N, C-alpha and C. Protein backbone atom coordinates (compact mmCIF):
# COMPACT_ATOMS: atom_id res chain seq x y z
N MET A 1 -3.48 16.56 12.61
CA MET A 1 -3.25 15.17 12.34
C MET A 1 -4.54 14.54 11.81
N LYS A 2 -4.39 13.73 10.78
CA LYS A 2 -5.53 13.04 10.19
C LYS A 2 -5.19 11.57 10.06
N PHE A 3 -6.06 10.69 10.56
CA PHE A 3 -5.86 9.24 10.51
C PHE A 3 -6.84 8.66 9.50
N VAL A 4 -6.30 8.00 8.46
CA VAL A 4 -7.16 7.44 7.41
C VAL A 4 -6.87 5.96 7.24
N PHE A 5 -7.90 5.14 7.39
CA PHE A 5 -7.76 3.72 7.06
C PHE A 5 -7.79 3.58 5.55
N LEU A 6 -6.73 3.01 4.98
CA LEU A 6 -6.69 2.76 3.55
C LEU A 6 -7.22 1.36 3.23
N GLY A 7 -7.19 0.50 4.20
CA GLY A 7 -7.71 -0.85 4.04
C GLY A 7 -7.97 -1.44 5.41
N THR A 8 -9.00 -2.28 5.52
CA THR A 8 -9.38 -2.85 6.82
C THR A 8 -9.63 -4.35 6.73
N SER A 9 -9.07 -4.99 5.72
CA SER A 9 -9.32 -6.41 5.53
C SER A 9 -8.04 -7.21 5.70
N ALA A 10 -8.17 -8.51 5.70
CA ALA A 10 -7.02 -9.41 5.78
C ALA A 10 -6.48 -9.66 4.37
N GLY A 11 -5.61 -10.64 4.24
CA GLY A 11 -4.96 -10.94 2.98
C GLY A 11 -5.91 -11.31 1.85
N GLU A 12 -7.03 -11.92 2.19
CA GLU A 12 -7.95 -12.37 1.13
C GLU A 12 -8.82 -11.24 0.58
N GLN A 13 -8.93 -10.15 1.29
CA GLN A 13 -9.72 -8.99 0.88
C GLN A 13 -11.20 -9.33 0.68
N TYR A 14 -12.00 -8.32 0.43
CA TYR A 14 -13.42 -8.52 0.20
C TYR A 14 -13.93 -7.45 -0.75
N PRO A 15 -14.57 -7.82 -1.82
CA PRO A 15 -14.89 -9.19 -2.22
C PRO A 15 -13.63 -9.96 -2.60
N ALA A 16 -13.68 -11.26 -2.37
CA ALA A 16 -12.52 -12.10 -2.65
C ALA A 16 -12.27 -12.16 -4.16
N PHE A 17 -11.00 -12.17 -4.54
CA PHE A 17 -10.63 -12.16 -5.96
C PHE A 17 -11.22 -13.33 -6.73
N TRP A 18 -11.24 -14.49 -6.12
CA TRP A 18 -11.61 -15.71 -6.84
C TRP A 18 -12.99 -16.21 -6.47
N CYS A 19 -13.84 -15.36 -5.97
CA CYS A 19 -15.15 -15.79 -5.49
C CYS A 19 -16.29 -15.12 -6.26
N ARG A 20 -17.29 -15.93 -6.59
CA ARG A 20 -18.48 -15.40 -7.27
C ARG A 20 -19.74 -15.66 -6.45
N CYS A 21 -19.59 -15.83 -5.14
CA CYS A 21 -20.76 -16.06 -4.30
C CYS A 21 -21.66 -14.82 -4.34
N GLU A 22 -22.84 -14.94 -3.82
CA GLU A 22 -23.81 -13.84 -3.85
C GLU A 22 -23.27 -12.60 -3.13
N ASN A 23 -22.65 -12.80 -1.96
CA ASN A 23 -22.15 -11.65 -1.19
C ASN A 23 -21.03 -10.91 -1.91
N CYS A 24 -20.05 -11.66 -2.44
CA CYS A 24 -18.95 -11.02 -3.15
C CYS A 24 -19.44 -10.33 -4.42
N SER A 25 -20.37 -10.95 -5.12
CA SER A 25 -20.93 -10.34 -6.34
C SER A 25 -21.64 -9.04 -6.02
N LYS A 26 -22.44 -9.02 -4.96
CA LYS A 26 -23.14 -7.79 -4.56
C LYS A 26 -22.15 -6.70 -4.14
N ALA A 27 -21.11 -7.08 -3.43
CA ALA A 27 -20.11 -6.10 -2.99
C ALA A 27 -19.44 -5.45 -4.20
N ARG A 28 -19.14 -6.23 -5.22
CA ARG A 28 -18.53 -5.66 -6.44
C ARG A 28 -19.48 -4.67 -7.11
N GLN A 29 -20.75 -4.98 -7.13
CA GLN A 29 -21.73 -4.10 -7.77
C GLN A 29 -21.94 -2.82 -6.97
N ARG A 30 -21.99 -2.93 -5.67
CA ARG A 30 -22.30 -1.78 -4.82
C ARG A 30 -21.09 -0.89 -4.55
N GLY A 31 -19.90 -1.50 -4.46
CA GLY A 31 -18.70 -0.71 -4.19
C GLY A 31 -18.76 -0.04 -2.83
N GLY A 32 -18.12 1.11 -2.72
CA GLY A 32 -18.13 1.90 -1.49
C GLY A 32 -17.58 1.16 -0.30
N ARG A 33 -18.29 1.21 0.81
CA ARG A 33 -17.84 0.60 2.06
C ARG A 33 -17.78 -0.92 1.97
N ASN A 34 -18.37 -1.49 0.95
CA ASN A 34 -18.35 -2.95 0.80
C ASN A 34 -17.03 -3.47 0.23
N ILE A 35 -16.18 -2.59 -0.21
CA ILE A 35 -14.88 -2.99 -0.75
C ILE A 35 -13.84 -2.87 0.36
N ARG A 36 -13.20 -3.98 0.66
CA ARG A 36 -12.21 -3.98 1.75
C ARG A 36 -10.88 -4.50 1.23
N LYS A 37 -9.85 -3.68 1.33
CA LYS A 37 -8.51 -4.01 0.85
C LYS A 37 -7.59 -4.36 2.02
N ASN A 38 -6.35 -4.73 1.70
CA ASN A 38 -5.39 -5.11 2.75
C ASN A 38 -5.26 -4.01 3.79
N SER A 39 -5.07 -4.41 5.03
CA SER A 39 -4.95 -3.47 6.14
C SER A 39 -3.77 -2.53 5.99
N CYS A 40 -4.05 -1.26 6.13
CA CYS A 40 -3.02 -0.24 6.24
C CYS A 40 -3.70 1.08 6.57
N ALA A 41 -2.90 2.02 7.04
CA ALA A 41 -3.43 3.33 7.41
C ALA A 41 -2.37 4.39 7.17
N PHE A 42 -2.83 5.64 7.08
CA PHE A 42 -1.93 6.78 6.90
C PHE A 42 -2.28 7.81 7.95
N ILE A 43 -1.26 8.25 8.69
CA ILE A 43 -1.43 9.33 9.65
C ILE A 43 -0.72 10.53 9.05
N SER A 44 -1.50 11.50 8.61
CA SER A 44 -0.89 12.64 7.94
C SER A 44 -0.17 13.49 8.97
N PRO A 45 0.94 14.06 8.61
CA PRO A 45 1.41 14.21 7.24
C PRO A 45 2.46 13.19 6.81
N ASP A 46 2.93 12.26 7.71
CA ASP A 46 4.15 11.56 7.36
C ASP A 46 4.29 10.11 7.83
N THR A 47 3.22 9.44 8.26
CA THR A 47 3.36 8.12 8.85
C THR A 47 2.42 7.09 8.21
N LEU A 48 3.00 5.97 7.80
CA LEU A 48 2.24 4.84 7.29
C LEU A 48 2.22 3.73 8.33
N ILE A 49 1.10 3.04 8.42
CA ILE A 49 1.02 1.82 9.22
C ILE A 49 0.76 0.69 8.24
N ASP A 50 1.73 -0.17 8.11
CA ASP A 50 1.76 -1.30 7.18
C ASP A 50 1.95 -0.84 5.74
N PHE A 51 2.38 -1.79 4.92
CA PHE A 51 2.78 -1.47 3.54
C PHE A 51 2.44 -2.65 2.63
N PRO A 52 1.13 -2.82 2.32
CA PRO A 52 0.72 -3.94 1.46
C PRO A 52 1.05 -3.68 -0.01
N PRO A 53 0.94 -4.71 -0.86
CA PRO A 53 1.31 -4.55 -2.27
C PRO A 53 0.50 -3.48 -3.00
N GLU A 54 -0.70 -3.21 -2.58
CA GLU A 54 -1.53 -2.24 -3.30
C GLU A 54 -1.61 -0.88 -2.61
N ILE A 55 -0.63 -0.56 -1.79
CA ILE A 55 -0.64 0.69 -1.03
C ILE A 55 -0.86 1.92 -1.91
N PHE A 56 -0.25 1.95 -3.08
CA PHE A 56 -0.35 3.15 -3.91
C PHE A 56 -1.73 3.29 -4.54
N MET A 57 -2.35 2.17 -4.91
CA MET A 57 -3.72 2.23 -5.43
C MET A 57 -4.69 2.66 -4.34
N GLN A 58 -4.47 2.17 -3.11
CA GLN A 58 -5.32 2.56 -2.01
C GLN A 58 -5.16 4.06 -1.71
N ALA A 59 -3.94 4.55 -1.74
CA ALA A 59 -3.70 5.97 -1.48
C ALA A 59 -4.38 6.82 -2.55
N GLU A 60 -4.29 6.41 -3.81
CA GLU A 60 -4.95 7.16 -4.88
C GLU A 60 -6.46 7.18 -4.67
N ARG A 61 -7.00 6.06 -4.24
CA ARG A 61 -8.45 5.97 -4.00
C ARG A 61 -8.92 7.04 -3.01
N PHE A 62 -8.05 7.34 -2.02
CA PHE A 62 -8.40 8.33 -1.00
C PHE A 62 -7.71 9.67 -1.20
N SER A 63 -7.08 9.86 -2.37
CA SER A 63 -6.39 11.12 -2.71
C SER A 63 -5.35 11.52 -1.66
N LEU A 64 -4.56 10.57 -1.22
CA LEU A 64 -3.51 10.84 -0.23
C LEU A 64 -2.14 10.77 -0.89
N GLN A 65 -1.21 11.58 -0.40
CA GLN A 65 0.15 11.61 -0.90
C GLN A 65 1.06 10.81 0.03
N VAL A 66 1.03 9.48 -0.09
CA VAL A 66 1.87 8.68 0.79
C VAL A 66 3.35 8.82 0.46
N ILE A 67 3.66 9.44 -0.66
CA ILE A 67 5.06 9.68 -1.01
C ILE A 67 5.72 10.60 0.02
N SER A 68 4.94 11.33 0.78
CA SER A 68 5.49 12.21 1.81
C SER A 68 5.82 11.46 3.10
N ALA A 69 5.57 10.17 3.14
CA ALA A 69 5.83 9.40 4.36
C ALA A 69 7.31 9.41 4.72
N GLU A 70 7.57 9.62 5.99
CA GLU A 70 8.92 9.55 6.52
C GLU A 70 9.06 8.40 7.52
N TYR A 71 7.92 7.85 7.94
CA TYR A 71 7.91 6.78 8.93
C TYR A 71 6.97 5.68 8.47
N LEU A 72 7.39 4.45 8.66
CA LEU A 72 6.58 3.29 8.35
C LEU A 72 6.62 2.34 9.53
N LEU A 73 5.46 2.06 10.11
CA LEU A 73 5.33 1.10 11.19
C LEU A 73 4.76 -0.18 10.60
N VAL A 74 5.52 -1.26 10.65
CA VAL A 74 5.08 -2.55 10.13
C VAL A 74 4.60 -3.37 11.32
N THR A 75 3.32 -3.73 11.32
CA THR A 75 2.74 -4.45 12.46
C THR A 75 3.20 -5.89 12.52
N HIS A 76 3.40 -6.54 11.37
CA HIS A 76 3.97 -7.88 11.30
C HIS A 76 4.35 -8.19 9.86
N SER A 77 5.08 -9.28 9.66
CA SER A 77 5.76 -9.49 8.38
C SER A 77 4.96 -10.23 7.31
N HIS A 78 3.70 -10.52 7.52
CA HIS A 78 2.92 -11.14 6.44
C HIS A 78 2.90 -10.21 5.23
N GLU A 79 2.92 -10.78 4.02
CA GLU A 79 3.03 -9.95 2.82
C GLU A 79 1.82 -9.04 2.59
N ASP A 80 0.68 -9.32 3.23
CA ASP A 80 -0.44 -8.39 3.12
C ASP A 80 -0.29 -7.20 4.06
N HIS A 81 0.76 -7.19 4.89
CA HIS A 81 1.06 -6.05 5.76
C HIS A 81 2.40 -5.41 5.43
N PHE A 82 3.31 -6.20 4.87
CA PHE A 82 4.62 -5.65 4.50
C PHE A 82 5.10 -6.35 3.24
N TYR A 83 5.12 -5.58 2.17
CA TYR A 83 5.54 -6.09 0.86
C TYR A 83 6.77 -5.29 0.45
N PRO A 84 7.96 -5.70 0.91
CA PRO A 84 9.16 -4.87 0.75
C PRO A 84 9.58 -4.65 -0.69
N TRP A 85 9.14 -5.50 -1.62
CA TRP A 85 9.54 -5.34 -3.02
C TRP A 85 9.09 -3.98 -3.56
N MET A 86 8.04 -3.43 -3.00
CA MET A 86 7.55 -2.12 -3.45
C MET A 86 8.53 -1.00 -3.11
N LEU A 87 9.47 -1.26 -2.23
CA LEU A 87 10.45 -0.25 -1.85
C LEU A 87 11.68 -0.26 -2.75
N GLY A 88 11.77 -1.22 -3.65
CA GLY A 88 12.94 -1.38 -4.51
C GLY A 88 13.29 -0.14 -5.31
N TRP A 89 12.31 0.47 -5.95
CA TRP A 89 12.60 1.66 -6.77
C TRP A 89 12.91 2.87 -5.90
N ARG A 90 12.38 2.89 -4.69
CA ARG A 90 12.62 4.02 -3.81
C ARG A 90 14.10 4.16 -3.50
N ARG A 91 14.79 3.04 -3.33
CA ARG A 91 16.21 3.07 -2.97
C ARG A 91 17.11 3.13 -4.19
N MET A 92 16.56 3.14 -5.38
CA MET A 92 17.33 3.08 -6.61
C MET A 92 18.18 4.33 -6.81
N PRO A 93 19.51 4.17 -6.94
CA PRO A 93 20.35 5.34 -7.25
C PRO A 93 20.01 5.88 -8.65
N SER A 94 20.28 7.12 -8.88
CA SER A 94 19.90 7.75 -10.14
C SER A 94 20.63 7.19 -11.35
N ASP A 95 21.79 6.54 -11.17
CA ASP A 95 22.54 6.05 -12.32
C ASP A 95 22.24 4.59 -12.69
N VAL A 96 21.28 3.96 -12.06
CA VAL A 96 20.92 2.57 -12.36
C VAL A 96 20.11 2.53 -13.66
N THR A 97 20.51 1.66 -14.58
CA THR A 97 19.78 1.57 -15.85
C THR A 97 18.85 0.37 -15.90
N LEU A 98 19.07 -0.64 -15.07
CA LEU A 98 18.19 -1.81 -15.05
C LEU A 98 17.33 -1.79 -13.80
N PRO A 99 16.13 -2.34 -13.87
CA PRO A 99 15.29 -2.34 -12.66
C PRO A 99 15.86 -3.27 -11.60
N PRO A 100 15.57 -2.99 -10.33
CA PRO A 100 16.03 -3.88 -9.26
C PRO A 100 15.30 -5.23 -9.34
N PRO A 101 15.82 -6.25 -8.67
CA PRO A 101 15.15 -7.55 -8.67
C PRO A 101 13.72 -7.46 -8.13
N LYS A 102 12.87 -8.33 -8.60
CA LYS A 102 11.46 -8.39 -8.18
C LYS A 102 10.76 -7.06 -8.40
N ASN A 103 11.04 -6.40 -9.49
CA ASN A 103 10.47 -5.12 -9.85
C ASN A 103 8.95 -5.21 -10.01
N VAL A 104 8.21 -4.38 -9.31
CA VAL A 104 6.76 -4.34 -9.46
C VAL A 104 6.22 -2.93 -9.63
N VAL A 105 7.07 -1.93 -9.52
CA VAL A 105 6.62 -0.54 -9.66
C VAL A 105 7.62 0.25 -10.49
N GLY A 106 7.25 1.43 -10.89
CA GLY A 106 8.10 2.25 -11.71
C GLY A 106 9.18 2.98 -10.92
N PRO A 107 10.17 3.52 -11.63
CA PRO A 107 11.29 4.19 -10.99
C PRO A 107 10.90 5.55 -10.43
N ARG A 108 11.80 6.10 -9.66
CA ARG A 108 11.60 7.46 -9.18
C ARG A 108 12.62 8.35 -9.85
N PHE A 109 12.25 9.58 -10.05
CA PHE A 109 13.13 10.53 -10.71
C PHE A 109 13.33 11.79 -9.88
N SER A 110 12.86 11.77 -8.66
CA SER A 110 13.01 12.93 -7.79
C SER A 110 13.53 12.47 -6.42
N PRO A 111 14.21 13.37 -5.72
CA PRO A 111 14.72 13.01 -4.39
C PRO A 111 13.57 12.82 -3.40
N LEU A 112 13.78 11.93 -2.46
CA LEU A 112 12.78 11.67 -1.42
C LEU A 112 13.45 11.77 -0.05
N LYS A 113 12.65 12.07 0.95
CA LYS A 113 13.16 12.05 2.32
C LYS A 113 13.42 10.59 2.72
N THR A 114 14.26 10.40 3.71
CA THR A 114 14.54 9.07 4.22
C THR A 114 13.28 8.48 4.82
N LEU A 115 13.01 7.21 4.52
CA LEU A 115 11.88 6.49 5.10
C LEU A 115 12.41 5.63 6.23
N HIS A 116 11.99 5.94 7.46
CA HIS A 116 12.40 5.20 8.64
C HIS A 116 11.39 4.08 8.86
N ILE A 117 11.86 2.84 8.89
CA ILE A 117 10.96 1.68 8.99
C ILE A 117 11.13 1.04 10.36
N TYR A 118 9.99 0.86 11.05
CA TYR A 118 9.97 0.26 12.38
C TYR A 118 9.03 -0.94 12.34
N GLY A 119 9.38 -1.98 13.12
CA GLY A 119 8.52 -3.16 13.14
C GLY A 119 8.64 -3.92 14.43
């Protein structure tokens, strides 16, 4: 079992998107541990804790295959912890030609295991 924090910040993240203060500017330049994204974690091989809008970018940053997740624990319903619109394509039947409402990600073309969501 491997536990990986994909993000350890609140909704505003750090550096803040709309801030040019000295601290945020330095964090952008330095990168690494100074970059903090929305809270979430992955317990390999199959469990996610929280599901923020940028979960897939965070997983790529750490070279993790969150597509293998079978369990999702949602700690609370704020959109920086649970962004259900990202699940729209996951549930898409293969014969759908139009994207689901509130589309923010691409379709899937392969079968996936059932994702059990707990909160």
